[in-house]
């Protein structure tokens, strides 16, 4: 209680830091969710391509 101005500025600084950390965390969670979605889509497409290639190889044999 000796430096009320410092205490107030620290609260504002902590609030800004918390908001920034929250935004970074939300952004990182979105990137992770998007990467999971894109990864599963890529896995499905690659599996389909492998299946079609195998089908084409065995149909010609």
PDB file of N, CA and C in Angstrom:
ATOM      1  N   UNK A   1       0.828  -1.194   0.000  1.00  0.00           N
ATOM      2  CA  UNK A   1       0.000   0.000   0.000  1.00  0.00           C
ATOM      3  C   UNK A   1       0.865   1.246   0.000  1.00  0.00           C
ATOM      4  N   UNK A   2       2.176   1.068  -0.117  1.00  0.00           N
ATOM      5  CA  UNK A   2       3.068   2.229  -0.096  1.00  0.00           C
ATOM      6  C   UNK A   2       3.024   2.929  -1.448  1.00  0.00           C
ATOM      7  N   UNK A   3       3.002   2.150  -2.529  1.00  0.00           N
ATOM      8  CA  UNK A   3       3.000   2.729  -3.874  1.00  0.00           C
ATOM      9  C   UNK A   3       1.707   2.345  -4.595  1.00  0.00           C
ATOM     10  N   UNK A   4       0.634   3.074  -4.367  1.00  0.00           N
ATOM     11  CA  UNK A   4      -0.624   2.704  -5.036  1.00  0.00           C
ATOM     12  C   UNK A   4      -0.564   2.878  -6.548  1.00  0.00           C
ATOM     13  N   UNK A   5       0.217   3.860  -7.038  1.00  0.00           N
ATOM     14  CA  UNK A   5       0.311   4.064  -8.487  1.00  0.00           C
ATOM     15  C   UNK A   5       1.003   2.869  -9.132  1.00  0.00           C
ATOM     16  N   UNK A   6       2.056   2.381  -8.500  1.00  0.00           N
ATOM     17  CA  UNK A   6       2.771   1.219  -9.018  1.00  0.00           C
ATOM     18  C   UNK A   6       1.862  -0.003  -9.010  1.00  0.00           C
ATOM     19  N   UNK A   7       1.101  -0.146  -7.937  1.00  0.00           N
ATOM     20  CA  UNK A   7       0.209  -1.291  -7.841  1.00  0.00           C
ATOM     21  C   UNK A   7      -0.830  -1.260  -8.969  1.00  0.00           C
ATOM     22  N   UNK A   8      -1.379  -0.071  -9.247  1.00  0.00           N
ATOM     23  CA  UNK A   8      -2.348   0.054 -10.326  1.00  0.00           C
ATOM     24  C   UNK A   8      -1.736  -0.262 -11.679  1.00  0.00           C
ATOM     25  N   UNK A   9      -0.530   0.227 -11.919  1.00  0.00           N
ATOM     26  CA  UNK A   9       0.105  -0.035 -13.208  1.00  0.00           C
ATOM     27  C   UNK A   9       0.453  -1.515 -13.342  1.00  0.00           C
ATOM     28  N   UNK A  10       0.792  -2.149 -12.233  1.00  0.00           N
ATOM     29  CA  UNK A  10       1.063  -3.582 -12.298  1.00  0.00           C
ATOM     30  C   UNK A  10      -0.207  -4.358 -12.638  1.00  0.00           C
ATOM     31  N   UNK A  11      -1.331  -3.909 -12.085  1.00  0.00           N
ATOM     32  CA  UNK A  11      -2.590  -4.584 -12.405  1.00  0.00           C
ATOM     33  C   UNK A  11      -2.901  -4.454 -13.892  1.00  0.00           C
ATOM     34  N   UNK A  12      -2.699  -3.258 -14.436  1.00  0.00           N
ATOM     35  CA  UNK A  12      -2.955  -3.048 -15.863  1.00  0.00           C
ATOM     36  C   UNK A  12      -1.986  -3.895 -16.692  1.00  0.00           C
ATOM     37  N   UNK A  13      -0.723  -3.929 -16.280  1.00  0.00           N
ATOM     38  CA  UNK A  13       0.254  -4.741 -16.994  1.00  0.00           C
ATOM     39  C   UNK A  13      -0.088  -6.216 -16.930  1.00  0.00           C
ATOM     40  N   UNK A  14      -0.510  -6.675 -15.749  1.00  0.00           N
ATOM     41  CA  UNK A  14      -0.894  -8.076 -15.618  1.00  0.00           C
ATOM     42  C   UNK A  14      -2.111  -8.386 -16.480  1.00  0.00           C
ATOM     43  N   UNK A  15      -3.046  -7.436 -16.543  1.00  0.00           N
ATOM     44  CA  UNK A  15      -4.243  -7.635 -17.363  1.00  0.00           C
ATOM     45  C   UNK A  15      -3.865  -7.746 -18.839  1.00  0.00           C
ATOM     46  N   UNK A  16      -2.964  -6.847 -19.293  1.00  0.00           N
ATOM     47  CA  UNK A  16      -2.529  -6.902 -20.696  1.00  0.00           C
ATOM     48  C   UNK A  16      -1.814  -8.217 -20.978  1.00  0.00           C
ATOM     49  N   UNK A  17      -0.980  -8.649 -20.041  1.00  0.00           N
ATOM     50  CA  UNK A  17      -0.261  -9.903 -20.234  1.00  0.00           C
ATOM     51  C   UNK A  17      -1.237 -11.079 -20.279  1.00  0.00           C
ATOM     52  N   UNK A  18      -2.249 -11.049 -19.404  1.00  0.00           N
ATOM     53  CA  UNK A  18      -3.233 -12.136 -19.390  1.00  0.00           C
ATOM     54  C   UNK A  18      -4.025 -12.160 -20.693  1.00  0.00           C
ATOM     55  N   UNK A  19      -4.406 -10.988 -21.200  1.00  0.00           N
ATOM     56  CA  UNK A  19      -5.147 -10.932 -22.461  1.00  0.00           C
ATOM     57  C   UNK A  19      -4.272 -11.446 -23.598  1.00  0.00           C
ATOM     58  N   UNK A  20      -2.997 -11.040 -23.608  1.00  0.00           N
ATOM     59  CA  UNK A  20      -2.107 -11.502 -24.674  1.00  0.00           C
ATOM     60  C   UNK A  20      -1.898 -13.014 -24.586  1.00  0.00           C
ATOM     61  N   UNK A  21      -1.691 -13.524 -23.368  1.00  0.00           N
ATOM     62  CA  UNK A  21      -1.512 -14.965 -23.216  1.00  0.00           C
ATOM     63  C   UNK A  21      -2.770 -15.717 -23.629  1.00  0.00           C
ATOM     64  N   UNK A  22      -3.937 -15.140 -23.308  1.00  0.00           N
ATOM     65  CA  UNK A  22      -5.195 -15.774 -23.681  1.00  0.00           C
ATOM     66  C   UNK A  22      -5.347 -15.814 -25.200  1.00  0.00           C
ATOM     67  N   UNK A  23      -5.001 -14.716 -25.870  1.00  0.00           N
ATOM     68  CA  UNK A  23      -5.087 -14.684 -27.336  1.00  0.00           C
ATOM     69  C   UNK A  23      -4.123 -15.687 -27.958  1.00  0.00           C
ATOM     70  N   UNK A  24      -2.901 -15.739 -27.432  1.00  0.00           N
ATOM     71  CA  UNK A  24      -1.913 -16.685 -27.963  1.00  0.00           C
ATOM     72  C   UNK A  24      -2.392 -18.114 -27.743  1.00  0.00           C
ATOM     73  N   UNK A  25      -2.952 -18.379 -26.564  1.00  0.00           N
ATOM     74  CA  UNK A  25      -3.447 -19.727 -26.273  1.00  0.00           C
ATOM     75  C   UNK A  25      -4.598 -20.090 -27.201  1.00  0.00           C
ATOM     76  N   UNK A  26      -5.536 -19.164 -27.406  1.00  0.00           N
ATOM     77  CA  UNK A  26      -6.659 -19.436 -28.307  1.00  0.00           C
ATOM     78  C   UNK A  26      -6.174 -19.661 -29.730  1.00  0.00           C
ATOM     79  N   UNK A  27      -5.216 -18.843 -30.175  1.00  0.00           N
ATOM     80  CA  UNK A  27      -4.676 -18.997 -31.525  1.00  0.00           C
ATOM     81  C   UNK A  27      -3.992 -20.349 -31.672  1.00  0.00           C
ATOM     82  N   UNK A  28      -3.212 -20.733 -30.662  1.00  0.00           N
ATOM     83  CA  UNK A  28      -2.495 -22.010 -30.717  1.00  0.00           C
ATOM     84  C   UNK A  28      -3.483 -23.176 -30.729  1.00  0.00           C
ATOM     85  N   UNK A  29      -4.569 -23.068 -29.937  1.00  0.00           N
ATOM     86  CA  UNK A  29      -5.571 -24.135 -29.939  1.00  0.00           C
ATOM     87  C   UNK A  29      -6.258 -24.233 -31.298  1.00  0.00           C
ATOM     88  N   UNK A  30      -6.539 -23.082 -31.916  1.00  0.00           N
ATOM     89  CA  UNK A  30      -7.141 -23.106 -33.258  1.00  0.00           C
ATOM     90  C   UNK A  30      -6.198 -23.746 -34.262  1.00  0.00           C
ATOM     91  N   UNK A  31      -4.915 -23.404 -34.190  1.00  0.00           N
ATOM     92  CA  UNK A  31      -3.936 -23.988 -35.120  1.00  0.00           C
ATOM     93  C   UNK A  31      -3.867 -25.491 -34.911  1.00  0.00           C
ATOM     94  N   UNK A  32      -3.874 -25.923 -33.655  1.00  0.00           N
ATOM     95  CA  UNK A  32      -3.813 -27.359 -33.397  1.00  0.00           C
ATOM     96  C   UNK A  32      -5.059 -28.062 -33.920  1.00  0.00           C
ATOM     97  N   UNK A  33      -6.235 -27.480 -33.701  1.00  0.00           N
ATOM     98  CA  UNK A  33      -7.465 -28.099 -34.193  1.00  0.00           C
ATOM     99  C   UNK A  33      -7.474 -28.133 -35.715  1.00  0.00           C
ATOM    100  N   UNK A  34      -7.025 -27.044 -36.344  1.00  0.00           N
ATOM    101  CA  UNK A  34      -6.981 -27.011 -37.804  1.00  0.00           C
ATOM    102  C   UNK A  34      -5.982 -28.029 -38.330  1.00  0.00           C
ATOM    103  N   UNK A  35      -4.826 -28.157 -37.660  1.00  0.00           N
ATOM    104  CA  UNK A  35      -3.824 -29.108 -38.131  1.00  0.00           C
ATOM    105  C   UNK A  35      -4.337 -30.534 -37.980  1.00  0.00           C
ATOM    106  N   UNK A  36      -5.106 -30.798 -36.920  1.00  0.00           N
ATOM    107  CA  UNK A  36      -5.700 -32.129 -36.770  1.00  0.00           C
ATOM    108  C   UNK A  36      -6.692 -32.383 -37.899  1.00  0.00           C
ATOM    109  N   UNK A  37      -7.508 -31.382 -38.223  1.00  0.00           N
ATOM    110  CA  UNK A  37      -8.488 -31.538 -39.295  1.00  0.00           C
ATOM    111  C   UNK A  37      -7.787 -31.738 -40.641  1.00  0.00           C
ATOM    112  N   UNK A  38      -6.774 -30.915 -40.920  1.00  0.00           N
ATOM    113  CA  UNK A  38      -6.059 -31.048 -42.188  1.00  0.00           C
ATOM    114  C   UNK A  38      -5.292 -32.370 -42.237  1.00  0.00           C
ATOM    115  N   UNK A  39      -4.761 -32.799 -41.110  1.00  0.00           N
ATOM    116  CA  UNK A  39      -4.038 -34.074 -41.067  1.00  0.00           C
ATOM    117  C   UNK A  39      -4.959 -35.248 -41.344  1.00  0.00           C
ATOM    118  N   UNK A  40      -6.153 -35.223 -40.760  1.00  0.00           N
ATOM    119  CA  UNK A  40      -7.091 -36.319 -41.004  1.00  0.00           C
ATOM    120  C   UNK A  40      -7.568 -36.305 -42.455  1.00  0.00           C
ATOM    121  N   UNK A  41      -7.767 -35.106 -43.002  1.00  0.00           N
ATOM    122  CA  UNK A  41      -8.161 -35.008 -44.410  1.00  0.00           C
ATOM    123  C   UNK A  41      -7.057 -35.549 -45.318  1.00  0.00           C
ATOM    124  N   UNK A  42      -5.820 -35.188 -45.031  1.00  0.00           N
ATOM    125  CA  UNK A  42      -4.695 -35.691 -45.826  1.00  0.00           C
ATOM    126  C   UNK A  42      -4.577 -37.204 -45.698  1.00  0.00           C
ATOM    127  N   UNK A  43      -4.837 -37.725 -44.502  1.00  0.00           N
ATOM    128  CA  UNK A  43      -4.778 -39.172 -44.304  1.00  0.00           C
ATOM    129  C   UNK A  43      -5.852 -39.879 -45.126  1.00  0.00           C
ATOM    130  N   UNK A  44      -7.063 -39.341 -45.140  1.00  0.00           N
ATOM    131  CA  UNK A  44      -8.135 -39.919 -45.940  1.00  0.00           C
ATOM    132  C   UNK A  44      -7.789 -39.883 -47.423  1.00  0.00           C
ATOM    133  N   UNK A  45      -7.284 -38.746 -47.903  1.00  0.00           N
ATOM    134  CA  UNK A  45      -6.963 -38.611 -49.329  1.00  0.00           C
ATOM    135  C   UNK A  45      -5.837 -39.562 -49.718  1.00  0.00           C
ATOM    136  N   UNK A  46      -4.803 -39.642 -48.866  1.00  0.00           N
ATOM    137  CA  UNK A  46      -3.689 -40.537 -49.197  1.00  0.00           C
ATOM    138  C   UNK A  46      -4.146 -41.992 -49.166  1.00  0.00           C
ATOM    139  N   UNK A  47      -5.013 -42.340 -48.224  1.00  0.00           N
ATOM    140  CA  UNK A  47      -5.547 -43.700 -48.196  1.00  0.00           C
ATOM    141  C   UNK A  47      -6.362 -44.011 -49.438  1.00  0.00           C
ATOM    142  N   UNK A  48      -7.144 -43.048 -49.889  1.00  0.00           N
ATOM    143  CA  UNK A  48      -7.936 -43.232 -51.107  1.00  0.00           C
ATOM    144  C   UNK A  48      -7.033 -43.393 -52.329  1.00  0.00           C
ATOM    145  N   UNK A  49      -5.972 -42.594 -52.389  1.00  0.00           N
ATOM    146  CA  UNK A  49      -5.033 -42.695 -53.514  1.00  0.00           C
ATOM    147  C   UNK A  49      -4.357 -44.062 -53.517  1.00  0.00           C
ATOM    148  N   UNK A  50      -3.920 -44.524 -52.350  1.00  0.00           N
ATOM    149  CA  UNK A  50      -3.282 -45.845 -52.267  1.00  0.00           C
ATOM    150  C   UNK A  50      -4.261 -46.934 -52.692  1.00  0.00           C
ATOM    151  N   UNK A  51      -5.503 -46.820 -52.246  1.00  0.00           N
ATOM    152  CA  UNK A  51      -6.516 -47.804 -52.618  1.00  0.00           C
ATOM    153  C   UNK A  51      -6.747 -47.819 -54.127  1.00  0.00           C
ATOM    154  N   UNK A  52      -6.846 -46.635 -54.727  1.00  0.00           N
ATOM    155  CA  UNK A  52      -7.059 -46.562 -56.173  1.00  0.00           C
ATOM    156  C   UNK A  52      -5.856 -47.091 -56.948  1.00  0.00           C
ATOM    157  N   UNK A  53      -4.651 -46.800 -56.469  1.00  0.00           N
ATOM    158  CA  UNK A  53      -3.447 -47.304 -57.145  1.00  0.00           C
ATOM    159  C   UNK A  53      -3.398 -48.823 -57.066  1.00  0.00           C
ATOM    160  N   UNK A  54      -3.699 -49.372 -55.894  1.00  0.00           N
ATOM    161  CA  UNK A  54      -3.700 -50.834 -55.764  1.00  0.00           C
ATOM    162  C   UNK A  54      -4.772 -51.456 -56.654  1.00  0.00           C
ATOM    163  N   UNK A  55      -5.934 -50.831 -56.712  1.00  0.00           N
ATOM    164  CA  UNK A  55      -7.015 -51.336 -57.564  1.00  0.00           C
ATOM    165  C   UNK A  55      -6.601 -51.310 -59.036  1.00  0.00           C
ATOM    166  N   UNK A  56      -5.954 -50.228 -59.449  1.00  0.00           N
ATOM    167  CA  UNK A  56      -5.503 -50.119 -60.843  1.00  0.00           C
ATOM    168  C   UNK A  56      -4.428 -51.156 -61.145  1.00  0.00           C
ATOM    169  N   UNK A  57      -3.518 -51.385 -60.204  1.00  0.00           N
ATOM    170  CA  UNK A  57      -2.452 -52.367 -60.435  1.00  0.00           C
ATOM    171  C   UNK A  57      -3.025 -53.775 -60.556  1.00  0.00           C
ATOM    172  N   UNK A  58      -3.954 -54.126 -59.666  1.00  0.00           N
ATOM    173  CA  UNK A  58      -4.492 -55.487 -59.689  1.00  0.00           C
ATOM    174  C   UNK A  58      -5.481 -55.694 -60.833  1.00  0.00           C
ATOM    175  N   UNK A  59      -6.110 -54.621 -61.301  1.00  0.00           N
ATOM    176  CA  UNK A  59      -7.039 -54.793 -62.417  1.00  0.00           C
ATOM    177  C   UNK A  59      -6.272 -55.030 -63.722  1.00  0.00           C
ATOM    178  N   UNK A  60      -5.054 -54.490 -63.817  1.00  0.00           N
ATOM    179  CA  UNK A  60      -4.249 -54.687 -65.027  1.00  0.00           C
ATOM    180  C   UNK A  60      -3.542 -56.033 -65.015  1.00  0.00           C
ATOM    181  N   UNK A  61      -3.341 -56.624 -63.855  1.00  0.00           N
ATOM    182  CA  UNK A  61      -2.572 -57.864 -63.770  1.00  0.00           C
ATOM    183  C   UNK A  61      -3.375 -59.071 -64.227  1.00  0.00           C
TER     184      UNK A  61
END
